[in-house]
Amino acid sequence: MKITITGFMGSGKSYFSERLAARLNLNFLDLDRIIEKDCKMSVRNIININGEKYFRTKEKKLLIETLTFDDFVLALGGGTLHNENCAKIVAKDTFCVFLNTPFDKCFQRIHKSQSRPLAVNKTSMELWQLYESRLEIYKNTADMILEDCDFSTVDFNALANKIYLEAAKKTSKPLTM
């Protein structure tokens, strides 16, 4: 079973993916961490030194390699699906969940972060435009959309079970839990 989690910067992809993987007894993977390990530097440094185009090329290559594995929950980068080929691969080969976190929540989490190179020195309006430009591709790629999910109050076991059942339908390969 291959489950991917997408959403904007600060939507909670890594946190949610790690919890979901633990609940479903799957491997937790984070595409940004995979890229950092491969390049031996932070995403921020990769983009600052080599540029976003280099980063996106590396991201696509490592996404394709990662999708050869089985039984994982993968937190995608916020811009991974902006590459049309990546979006097609994710839609075809995984069960994709979109965390549709409202912009104001994402902004609260990212606006002071120095570790998110695409958010550094950006105004609220610039980040809003980036957020808006990505919404359609998130929605079009996703098999399931979670609207403004508050992880502190949601029945996480029920939600994990729902994702598992829907993913099993798509992949035709149910896990033994």
N, C-alpha and C. Protein backbone atom coordinates (compact mmCIF):
# COMPACT_ATOMS: atom_id res chain seq x y z
N MET A 1 0.84 -1.17 0.00
CA MET A 1 0.00 0.00 0.00
C MET A 1 0.89 1.24 0.00
N LYS A 2 0.60 2.15 -0.92
CA LYS A 2 1.38 3.37 -1.07
C LYS A 2 0.44 4.56 -0.87
N ILE A 3 0.66 5.28 0.21
CA ILE A 3 -0.17 6.44 0.53
C ILE A 3 0.72 7.67 0.51
N THR A 4 0.29 8.70 -0.20
CA THR A 4 1.01 9.97 -0.20
C THR A 4 0.12 11.05 0.42
N ILE A 5 0.78 11.97 1.10
CA ILE A 5 0.08 13.09 1.74
C ILE A 5 0.59 14.37 1.11
N THR A 6 -0.33 15.19 0.62
CA THR A 6 0.04 16.44 -0.01
C THR A 6 -0.68 17.60 0.67
N GLY A 7 -0.22 18.79 0.36
CA GLY A 7 -0.80 20.01 0.90
C GLY A 7 0.24 21.11 0.87
N PHE A 8 -0.19 22.30 1.21
CA PHE A 8 0.69 23.47 1.18
C PHE A 8 1.69 23.41 2.34
N MET A 9 2.74 24.21 2.24
CA MET A 9 3.70 24.34 3.33
C MET A 9 2.94 24.64 4.62
N GLY A 10 3.26 23.93 5.69
CA GLY A 10 2.64 24.19 6.97
C GLY A 10 1.27 23.56 7.16
N SER A 11 0.85 22.71 6.22
CA SER A 11 -0.48 22.10 6.34
C SER A 11 -0.50 20.94 7.33
N GLY A 12 0.67 20.44 7.70
CA GLY A 12 0.74 19.33 8.65
C GLY A 12 1.06 18.00 8.01
N LYS A 13 1.63 18.02 6.80
CA LYS A 13 1.89 16.78 6.07
C LYS A 13 2.80 15.81 6.82
N SER A 14 3.91 16.30 7.32
CA SER A 14 4.86 15.41 8.00
C SER A 14 4.27 14.86 9.29
N TYR A 15 3.66 15.71 10.08
CA TYR A 15 3.04 15.28 11.34
C TYR A 15 1.95 14.24 11.08
N PHE A 16 1.06 14.55 10.14
CA PHE A 16 -0.04 13.65 9.83
C PHE A 16 0.49 12.33 9.26
N SER A 17 1.45 12.40 8.35
CA SER A 17 2.00 11.20 7.71
C SER A 17 2.64 10.27 8.74
N GLU A 18 3.38 10.84 9.66
CA GLU A 18 4.04 10.03 10.67
C GLU A 18 3.02 9.32 11.56
N ARG A 19 1.99 10.04 11.97
CA ARG A 19 0.93 9.43 12.79
C ARG A 19 0.17 8.35 12.02
N LEU A 20 -0.15 8.64 10.76
CA LEU A 20 -0.89 7.68 9.95
C LEU A 20 -0.06 6.42 9.72
N ALA A 21 1.21 6.58 9.41
CA ALA A 21 2.08 5.43 9.19
C ALA A 21 2.15 4.56 10.44
N ALA A 22 2.29 5.18 11.59
CA ALA A 22 2.35 4.43 12.85
C ALA A 22 1.04 3.67 13.08
N ARG A 23 -0.08 4.33 12.84
CA ARG A 23 -1.39 3.70 13.06
C ARG A 23 -1.62 2.54 12.10
N LEU A 24 -1.16 2.66 10.87
CA LEU A 24 -1.37 1.61 9.86
C LEU A 24 -0.22 0.62 9.79
N ASN A 25 0.76 0.81 10.65
CA ASN A 25 1.94 -0.07 10.68
C ASN A 25 2.66 -0.09 9.32
N LEU A 26 2.82 1.10 8.76
CA LEU A 26 3.53 1.29 7.50
C LEU A 26 4.80 2.10 7.76
N ASN A 27 5.71 2.09 6.81
CA ASN A 27 6.90 2.92 6.92
C ASN A 27 6.52 4.38 6.70
N PHE A 28 7.11 5.26 7.50
CA PHE A 28 6.94 6.70 7.32
C PHE A 28 8.12 7.23 6.52
N LEU A 29 7.81 7.93 5.44
CA LEU A 29 8.84 8.55 4.62
C LEU A 29 8.47 10.02 4.40
N ASP A 30 9.48 10.85 4.29
CA ASP A 30 9.28 12.28 4.04
C ASP A 30 10.18 12.65 2.86
N LEU A 31 9.59 13.08 1.77
CA LEU A 31 10.35 13.33 0.55
C LEU A 31 11.43 14.38 0.77
N ASP A 32 11.15 15.41 1.53
CA ASP A 32 12.18 16.42 1.80
C ASP A 32 13.36 15.82 2.55
N ARG A 33 13.10 14.95 3.51
CA ARG A 33 14.20 14.30 4.26
C ARG A 33 15.00 13.36 3.35
N ILE A 34 14.32 12.69 2.43
CA ILE A 34 15.00 11.81 1.47
C ILE A 34 15.94 12.63 0.59
N ILE A 35 15.46 13.79 0.15
CA ILE A 35 16.28 14.68 -0.69
C ILE A 35 17.48 15.20 0.12
N GLU A 36 17.22 15.60 1.35
CA GLU A 36 18.32 16.10 2.20
C GLU A 36 19.39 15.03 2.41
N LYS A 37 18.96 13.81 2.65
CA LYS A 37 19.91 12.72 2.86
C LYS A 37 20.72 12.48 1.59
N ASP A 38 20.06 12.48 0.45
CA ASP A 38 20.74 12.25 -0.82
C ASP A 38 21.75 13.36 -1.12
N CYS A 39 21.37 14.59 -0.85
CA CYS A 39 22.24 15.74 -1.17
C CYS A 39 23.19 16.11 -0.03
N LYS A 40 22.96 15.51 1.14
CA LYS A 40 23.78 15.78 2.32
C LYS A 40 23.75 17.26 2.73
N MET A 41 22.57 17.87 2.57
CA MET A 41 22.37 19.25 3.04
C MET A 41 20.87 19.51 3.14
N SER A 42 20.51 20.58 3.82
CA SER A 42 19.10 20.92 4.02
C SER A 42 18.46 21.38 2.71
N VAL A 43 17.13 21.28 2.67
CA VAL A 43 16.39 21.78 1.51
C VAL A 43 16.72 23.25 1.29
N ARG A 44 16.79 24.00 2.38
CA ARG A 44 17.11 25.43 2.28
C ARG A 44 18.45 25.64 1.57
N ASN A 45 19.46 24.89 1.98
CA ASN A 45 20.78 25.04 1.36
C ASN A 45 20.79 24.54 -0.08
N ILE A 46 20.07 23.46 -0.36
CA ILE A 46 20.00 22.95 -1.73
C ILE A 46 19.47 24.04 -2.65
N ILE A 47 18.37 24.67 -2.24
CA ILE A 47 17.75 25.70 -3.08
C ILE A 47 18.61 26.96 -3.13
N ASN A 48 19.18 27.36 -1.99
CA ASN A 48 20.02 28.56 -1.97
C ASN A 48 21.29 28.39 -2.80
N ILE A 49 21.87 27.21 -2.79
CA ILE A 49 23.14 26.97 -3.49
C ILE A 49 22.91 26.57 -4.95
N ASN A 50 21.97 25.65 -5.18
CA ASN A 50 21.79 25.08 -6.52
C ASN A 50 20.57 25.60 -7.27
N GLY A 51 19.65 26.24 -6.57
CA GLY A 51 18.45 26.78 -7.21
C GLY A 51 17.26 25.84 -7.12
N GLU A 52 16.07 26.41 -7.29
CA GLU A 52 14.85 25.62 -7.19
C GLU A 52 14.74 24.60 -8.33
N LYS A 53 15.20 24.96 -9.52
CA LYS A 53 15.11 24.03 -10.65
C LYS A 53 15.89 22.75 -10.35
N TYR A 54 17.09 22.87 -9.81
CA TYR A 54 17.89 21.70 -9.43
C TYR A 54 17.13 20.88 -8.39
N PHE A 55 16.58 21.58 -7.39
CA PHE A 55 15.85 20.89 -6.34
C PHE A 55 14.67 20.10 -6.91
N ARG A 56 13.91 20.71 -7.80
CA ARG A 56 12.73 20.04 -8.38
C ARG A 56 13.14 18.83 -9.24
N THR A 57 14.26 18.93 -9.92
CA THR A 57 14.76 17.79 -10.69
C THR A 57 15.13 16.64 -9.76
N LYS A 58 15.83 16.96 -8.69
CA LYS A 58 16.22 15.96 -7.70
C LYS A 58 14.97 15.37 -7.03
N GLU A 59 14.00 16.22 -6.75
CA GLU A 59 12.75 15.79 -6.12
C GLU A 59 12.02 14.77 -6.99
N LYS A 60 11.92 15.04 -8.28
CA LYS A 60 11.25 14.13 -9.20
C LYS A 60 11.97 12.79 -9.26
N LYS A 61 13.28 12.82 -9.40
CA LYS A 61 14.09 11.60 -9.47
C LYS A 61 13.89 10.75 -8.22
N LEU A 62 13.97 11.38 -7.06
CA LEU A 62 13.86 10.63 -5.81
C LEU A 62 12.42 10.18 -5.53
N LEU A 63 11.45 10.93 -6.00
CA LEU A 63 10.05 10.49 -5.88
C LEU A 63 9.86 9.20 -6.68
N ILE A 64 10.34 9.18 -7.89
CA ILE A 64 10.20 7.98 -8.73
C ILE A 64 10.89 6.79 -8.08
N GLU A 65 12.08 6.99 -7.53
CA GLU A 65 12.79 5.91 -6.85
C GLU A 65 12.02 5.44 -5.61
N THR A 66 11.50 6.39 -4.85
CA THR A 66 10.78 6.05 -3.62
C THR A 66 9.52 5.25 -3.92
N LEU A 67 8.87 5.56 -5.01
CA LEU A 67 7.62 4.87 -5.34
C LEU A 67 7.84 3.43 -5.79
N THR A 68 9.08 3.00 -5.89
CA THR A 68 9.35 1.59 -6.18
C THR A 68 9.23 0.74 -4.92
N PHE A 69 9.21 1.38 -3.75
CA PHE A 69 9.04 0.67 -2.48
C PHE A 69 7.57 0.36 -2.25
N ASP A 70 7.29 -0.48 -1.27
CA ASP A 70 5.92 -0.82 -0.90
C ASP A 70 5.67 -0.45 0.55
N ASP A 71 4.40 -0.34 0.86
CA ASP A 71 3.92 -0.20 2.25
C ASP A 71 4.52 0.99 2.98
N PHE A 72 4.10 2.18 2.55
CA PHE A 72 4.58 3.41 3.19
C PHE A 72 3.51 4.49 3.16
N VAL A 73 3.74 5.48 4.02
CA VAL A 73 3.05 6.76 3.96
C VAL A 73 4.14 7.78 3.69
N LEU A 74 4.00 8.51 2.60
CA LEU A 74 5.02 9.46 2.16
C LEU A 74 4.48 10.88 2.23
N ALA A 75 5.15 11.71 3.02
CA ALA A 75 4.84 13.14 3.05
C ALA A 75 5.55 13.78 1.86
N LEU A 76 4.77 14.33 0.95
CA LEU A 76 5.33 15.02 -0.21
C LEU A 76 5.71 16.44 0.18
N GLY A 77 6.54 17.06 -0.63
CA GLY A 77 6.81 18.48 -0.44
C GLY A 77 5.62 19.28 -0.93
N GLY A 78 5.48 20.49 -0.43
CA GLY A 78 4.35 21.33 -0.82
C GLY A 78 4.29 21.63 -2.30
N GLY A 79 5.44 21.60 -2.97
CA GLY A 79 5.47 21.91 -4.40
C GLY A 79 5.69 20.70 -5.29
N THR A 80 5.75 19.52 -4.71
CA THR A 80 6.02 18.31 -5.51
C THR A 80 5.05 18.16 -6.67
N LEU A 81 3.77 18.34 -6.41
CA LEU A 81 2.76 18.10 -7.44
C LEU A 81 2.69 19.22 -8.48
N HIS A 82 3.42 20.30 -8.23
CA HIS A 82 3.46 21.39 -9.21
C HIS A 82 4.12 20.92 -10.50
N ASN A 83 4.95 19.89 -10.40
CA ASN A 83 5.52 19.25 -11.57
C ASN A 83 4.45 18.28 -12.10
N GLU A 84 4.00 18.52 -13.31
CA GLU A 84 2.91 17.73 -13.89
C GLU A 84 3.22 16.23 -13.91
N ASN A 85 4.46 15.88 -14.22
CA ASN A 85 4.84 14.46 -14.24
C ASN A 85 4.76 13.84 -12.86
N CYS A 86 5.20 14.58 -11.85
CA CYS A 86 5.10 14.08 -10.47
C CYS A 86 3.64 13.88 -10.09
N ALA A 87 2.80 14.83 -10.45
CA ALA A 87 1.37 14.72 -10.13
C ALA A 87 0.76 13.48 -10.79
N LYS A 88 1.11 13.23 -12.04
CA LYS A 88 0.58 12.06 -12.74
C LYS A 88 1.04 10.77 -12.10
N ILE A 89 2.31 10.70 -11.72
CA ILE A 89 2.86 9.51 -11.08
C ILE A 89 2.18 9.25 -9.75
N VAL A 90 2.04 10.30 -8.95
CA VAL A 90 1.40 10.17 -7.64
C VAL A 90 -0.05 9.72 -7.81
N ALA A 91 -0.77 10.32 -8.74
CA ALA A 91 -2.18 9.96 -8.97
C ALA A 91 -2.31 8.51 -9.43
N LYS A 92 -1.39 8.06 -10.26
CA LYS A 92 -1.47 6.72 -10.82
C LYS A 92 -1.02 5.64 -9.83
N ASP A 93 0.05 5.91 -9.10
CA ASP A 93 0.72 4.86 -8.33
C ASP A 93 0.45 4.88 -6.83
N THR A 94 -0.26 5.89 -6.33
CA THR A 94 -0.47 5.97 -4.88
C THR A 94 -1.91 6.36 -4.57
N PHE A 95 -2.26 6.21 -3.31
CA PHE A 95 -3.51 6.78 -2.80
C PHE A 95 -3.10 8.10 -2.17
N CYS A 96 -3.56 9.19 -2.76
CA CYS A 96 -3.12 10.53 -2.35
C CYS A 96 -4.18 11.23 -1.50
N VAL A 97 -3.74 11.71 -0.34
CA VAL A 97 -4.60 12.45 0.57
C VAL A 97 -4.14 13.91 0.58
N PHE A 98 -5.06 14.83 0.34
CA PHE A 98 -4.77 16.26 0.36
C PHE A 98 -5.25 16.84 1.68
N LEU A 99 -4.32 17.40 2.45
CA LEU A 99 -4.67 18.11 3.68
C LEU A 99 -5.00 19.54 3.29
N ASN A 100 -6.27 19.83 3.16
CA ASN A 100 -6.72 21.15 2.73
C ASN A 100 -6.82 22.08 3.93
N THR A 101 -5.67 22.46 4.42
CA THR A 101 -5.57 23.34 5.57
C THR A 101 -5.74 24.78 5.10
N PRO A 102 -6.60 25.56 5.76
CA PRO A 102 -6.80 26.95 5.34
C PRO A 102 -5.48 27.74 5.35
N PHE A 103 -5.39 28.69 4.44
CA PHE A 103 -4.17 29.48 4.29
C PHE A 103 -3.76 30.13 5.60
N ASP A 104 -4.70 30.68 6.35
CA ASP A 104 -4.32 31.39 7.57
C ASP A 104 -3.59 30.49 8.56
N LYS A 105 -3.99 29.22 8.65
CA LYS A 105 -3.29 28.28 9.52
C LYS A 105 -1.89 27.97 8.99
N CYS A 106 -1.80 27.74 7.69
CA CYS A 106 -0.48 27.49 7.08
C CYS A 106 0.43 28.70 7.30
N PHE A 107 -0.11 29.87 7.07
CA PHE A 107 0.70 31.09 7.19
C PHE A 107 1.21 31.25 8.62
N GLN A 108 0.37 30.99 9.61
CA GLN A 108 0.80 31.10 11.01
C GLN A 108 1.99 30.17 11.29
N ARG A 109 2.01 29.02 10.65
CA ARG A 109 3.07 28.04 10.88
C ARG A 109 4.35 28.33 10.12
N ILE A 110 4.27 29.05 9.00
CA ILE A 110 5.44 29.19 8.13
C ILE A 110 6.02 30.60 8.04
N HIS A 111 5.26 31.63 8.38
CA HIS A 111 5.70 32.98 8.03
C HIS A 111 6.99 33.42 8.72
N LYS A 112 7.33 32.84 9.84
CA LYS A 112 8.58 33.22 10.52
C LYS A 112 9.67 32.15 10.36
N SER A 113 9.37 31.10 9.63
CA SER A 113 10.32 30.00 9.48
C SER A 113 11.44 30.37 8.52
N GLN A 114 12.65 30.12 8.95
CA GLN A 114 13.82 30.32 8.08
C GLN A 114 14.17 29.02 7.35
N SER A 115 13.51 27.91 7.72
CA SER A 115 13.85 26.62 7.11
C SER A 115 13.03 26.33 5.85
N ARG A 116 12.12 27.21 5.50
CA ARG A 116 11.30 27.03 4.29
C ARG A 116 11.72 28.08 3.27
N PRO A 117 12.64 27.71 2.38
CA PRO A 117 13.23 28.70 1.48
C PRO A 117 12.24 29.39 0.56
N LEU A 118 11.14 28.73 0.23
CA LEU A 118 10.17 29.38 -0.66
C LEU A 118 9.23 30.32 0.09
N ALA A 119 9.36 30.36 1.43
CA ALA A 119 8.53 31.25 2.23
C ALA A 119 9.32 32.42 2.80
N VAL A 120 10.64 32.28 2.85
CA VAL A 120 11.49 33.32 3.44
C VAL A 120 11.36 34.61 2.65
N ASN A 121 11.18 35.70 3.38
CA ASN A 121 11.09 37.05 2.79
C ASN A 121 9.90 37.23 1.86
N LYS A 122 8.89 36.39 1.98
CA LYS A 122 7.68 36.53 1.17
C LYS A 122 6.61 37.24 2.00
N THR A 123 5.85 38.08 1.33
CA THR A 123 4.73 38.73 2.00
C THR A 123 3.57 37.75 2.11
N SER A 124 2.61 38.11 2.93
CA SER A 124 1.40 37.31 3.05
C SER A 124 0.72 37.15 1.70
N MET A 125 0.68 38.21 0.92
CA MET A 125 0.04 38.17 -0.40
C MET A 125 0.80 37.24 -1.35
N GLU A 126 2.11 37.28 -1.33
CA GLU A 126 2.89 36.40 -2.19
C GLU A 126 2.66 34.93 -1.83
N LEU A 127 2.61 34.65 -0.54
CA LEU A 127 2.36 33.27 -0.11
C LEU A 127 0.93 32.85 -0.43
N TRP A 128 -0.01 33.77 -0.30
CA TRP A 128 -1.40 33.48 -0.66
C TRP A 128 -1.50 33.12 -2.14
N GLN A 129 -0.80 33.88 -3.00
CA GLN A 129 -0.82 33.60 -4.43
C GLN A 129 -0.22 32.23 -4.73
N LEU A 130 0.85 31.87 -4.03
CA LEU A 130 1.45 30.55 -4.21
C LEU A 130 0.48 29.47 -3.76
N TYR A 131 -0.14 29.68 -2.63
CA TYR A 131 -1.15 28.75 -2.09
C TYR A 131 -2.28 28.55 -3.10
N GLU A 132 -2.81 29.64 -3.58
CA GLU A 132 -3.92 29.59 -4.56
C GLU A 132 -3.50 28.88 -5.85
N SER A 133 -2.26 29.11 -6.29
CA SER A 133 -1.80 28.51 -7.55
C SER A 133 -1.65 27.00 -7.44
N ARG A 134 -1.55 26.48 -6.22
CA ARG A 134 -1.35 25.04 -6.03
C ARG A 134 -2.64 24.29 -5.70
N LEU A 135 -3.67 24.98 -5.27
CA LEU A 135 -4.89 24.30 -4.80
C LEU A 135 -5.48 23.35 -5.83
N GLU A 136 -5.59 23.79 -7.05
CA GLU A 136 -6.24 22.97 -8.08
C GLU A 136 -5.49 21.66 -8.32
N ILE A 137 -4.16 21.73 -8.38
CA ILE A 137 -3.40 20.50 -8.63
C ILE A 137 -3.49 19.56 -7.43
N TYR A 138 -3.52 20.10 -6.21
CA TYR A 138 -3.72 19.25 -5.04
C TYR A 138 -5.06 18.52 -5.14
N LYS A 139 -6.10 19.29 -5.43
CA LYS A 139 -7.45 18.73 -5.50
C LYS A 139 -7.59 17.71 -6.64
N ASN A 140 -7.00 18.02 -7.79
CA ASN A 140 -7.12 17.13 -8.94
C ASN A 140 -6.33 15.84 -8.78
N THR A 141 -5.28 15.87 -7.99
CA THR A 141 -4.45 14.68 -7.80
C THR A 141 -4.98 13.79 -6.69
N ALA A 142 -5.61 14.40 -5.71
CA ALA A 142 -6.01 13.68 -4.49
C ALA A 142 -7.13 12.67 -4.73
N ASP A 143 -7.01 11.55 -4.04
CA ASP A 143 -8.08 10.56 -3.97
C ASP A 143 -9.02 10.88 -2.82
N MET A 144 -8.50 11.61 -1.84
CA MET A 144 -9.28 11.99 -0.66
C MET A 144 -8.82 13.38 -0.22
N ILE A 145 -9.79 14.23 0.12
CA ILE A 145 -9.48 15.57 0.60
C ILE A 145 -9.96 15.68 2.04
N LEU A 146 -9.05 16.07 2.92
CA LEU A 146 -9.40 16.31 4.32
C LEU A 146 -9.49 17.81 4.52
N GLU A 147 -10.68 18.29 4.77
CA GLU A 147 -10.93 19.72 4.91
C GLU A 147 -10.62 20.18 6.33
N ASP A 148 -9.71 21.13 6.46
CA ASP A 148 -9.39 21.78 7.72
C ASP A 148 -9.41 20.81 8.90
N CYS A 149 -8.65 19.78 8.78
CA CYS A 149 -8.63 18.71 9.78
C CYS A 149 -7.87 19.17 11.03
N ASP A 150 -8.55 19.19 12.17
CA ASP A 150 -7.91 19.53 13.44
C ASP A 150 -7.47 18.23 14.10
N PHE A 151 -6.18 17.96 14.02
CA PHE A 151 -5.66 16.68 14.49
C PHE A 151 -5.78 16.50 15.99
N SER A 152 -6.00 17.59 16.72
CA SER A 152 -6.11 17.47 18.18
C SER A 152 -7.50 17.01 18.61
N THR A 153 -8.49 17.15 17.75
CA THR A 153 -9.85 16.78 18.14
C THR A 153 -10.45 15.65 17.29
N VAL A 154 -9.86 15.37 16.15
CA VAL A 154 -10.41 14.35 15.26
C VAL A 154 -10.21 12.96 15.86
N ASP A 155 -11.13 12.05 15.58
CA ASP A 155 -10.96 10.65 15.97
C ASP A 155 -9.97 10.06 14.97
N PHE A 156 -8.69 10.06 15.35
CA PHE A 156 -7.64 9.69 14.41
C PHE A 156 -7.73 8.23 13.99
N ASN A 157 -8.11 7.35 14.90
CA ASN A 157 -8.23 5.93 14.53
C ASN A 157 -9.29 5.73 13.46
N ALA A 158 -10.41 6.41 13.61
CA ALA A 158 -11.48 6.30 12.61
C ALA A 158 -11.02 6.87 11.27
N LEU A 159 -10.34 7.98 11.32
CA LEU A 159 -9.84 8.61 10.10
C LEU A 159 -8.81 7.70 9.42
N ALA A 160 -7.90 7.14 10.20
CA ALA A 160 -6.88 6.23 9.64
C ALA A 160 -7.54 5.01 9.01
N ASN A 161 -8.56 4.48 9.66
CA ASN A 161 -9.27 3.32 9.11
C ASN A 161 -9.96 3.67 7.80
N LYS A 162 -10.54 4.86 7.74
CA LYS A 162 -11.21 5.30 6.51
C LYS A 162 -10.19 5.42 5.37
N ILE A 163 -9.04 6.02 5.66
CA ILE A 163 -8.00 6.15 4.64
C ILE A 163 -7.53 4.77 4.20
N TYR A 164 -7.32 3.89 5.16
CA TYR A 164 -6.87 2.53 4.85
C TYR A 164 -7.86 1.82 3.92
N LEU A 165 -9.14 1.89 4.24
CA LEU A 165 -10.15 1.21 3.43
C LEU A 165 -10.22 1.78 2.01
N GLU A 166 -10.16 3.09 1.90
CA GLU A 166 -10.19 3.72 0.57
C GLU A 166 -8.92 3.41 -0.22
N ALA A 167 -7.78 3.43 0.46
CA ALA A 167 -6.51 3.11 -0.21
C ALA A 167 -6.50 1.66 -0.67
N ALA A 168 -7.04 0.77 0.14
CA ALA A 168 -7.08 -0.66 -0.22
C ALA A 168 -7.94 -0.87 -1.46
N LYS A 169 -9.03 -0.11 -1.59
CA LYS A 169 -9.87 -0.22 -2.79
C LYS A 169 -9.08 0.17 -4.04
N LYS A 170 -8.32 1.25 -3.94
CA LYS A 170 -7.58 1.74 -5.10
C LYS A 170 -6.42 0.81 -5.45
N THR A 171 -5.71 0.36 -4.44
CA THR A 171 -4.50 -0.42 -4.69
C THR A 171 -4.78 -1.90 -4.85
N SER A 172 -5.95 -2.34 -4.42
CA SER A 172 -6.32 -3.76 -4.48
C SER A 172 -5.32 -4.64 -3.74
N LYS A 173 -4.69 -4.06 -2.74
CA LYS A 173 -3.71 -4.82 -1.97
C LYS A 173 -3.88 -4.48 -0.50
N PRO A 174 -4.92 -5.02 0.16
CA PRO A 174 -5.12 -4.69 1.57
C PRO A 174 -4.01 -5.24 2.45
N LEU A 175 -3.74 -4.50 3.50
CA LEU A 175 -2.75 -4.92 4.49
C LEU A 175 -3.43 -5.75 5.56
N THR A 176 -2.67 -6.53 6.26
CA THR A 176 -3.16 -7.22 7.44
C THR A 176 -2.81 -6.33 8.62
N MET A 177 -3.84 -5.89 9.33
CA MET A 177 -3.59 -4.98 10.45
C MET A 177 -3.74 -5.71 11.77
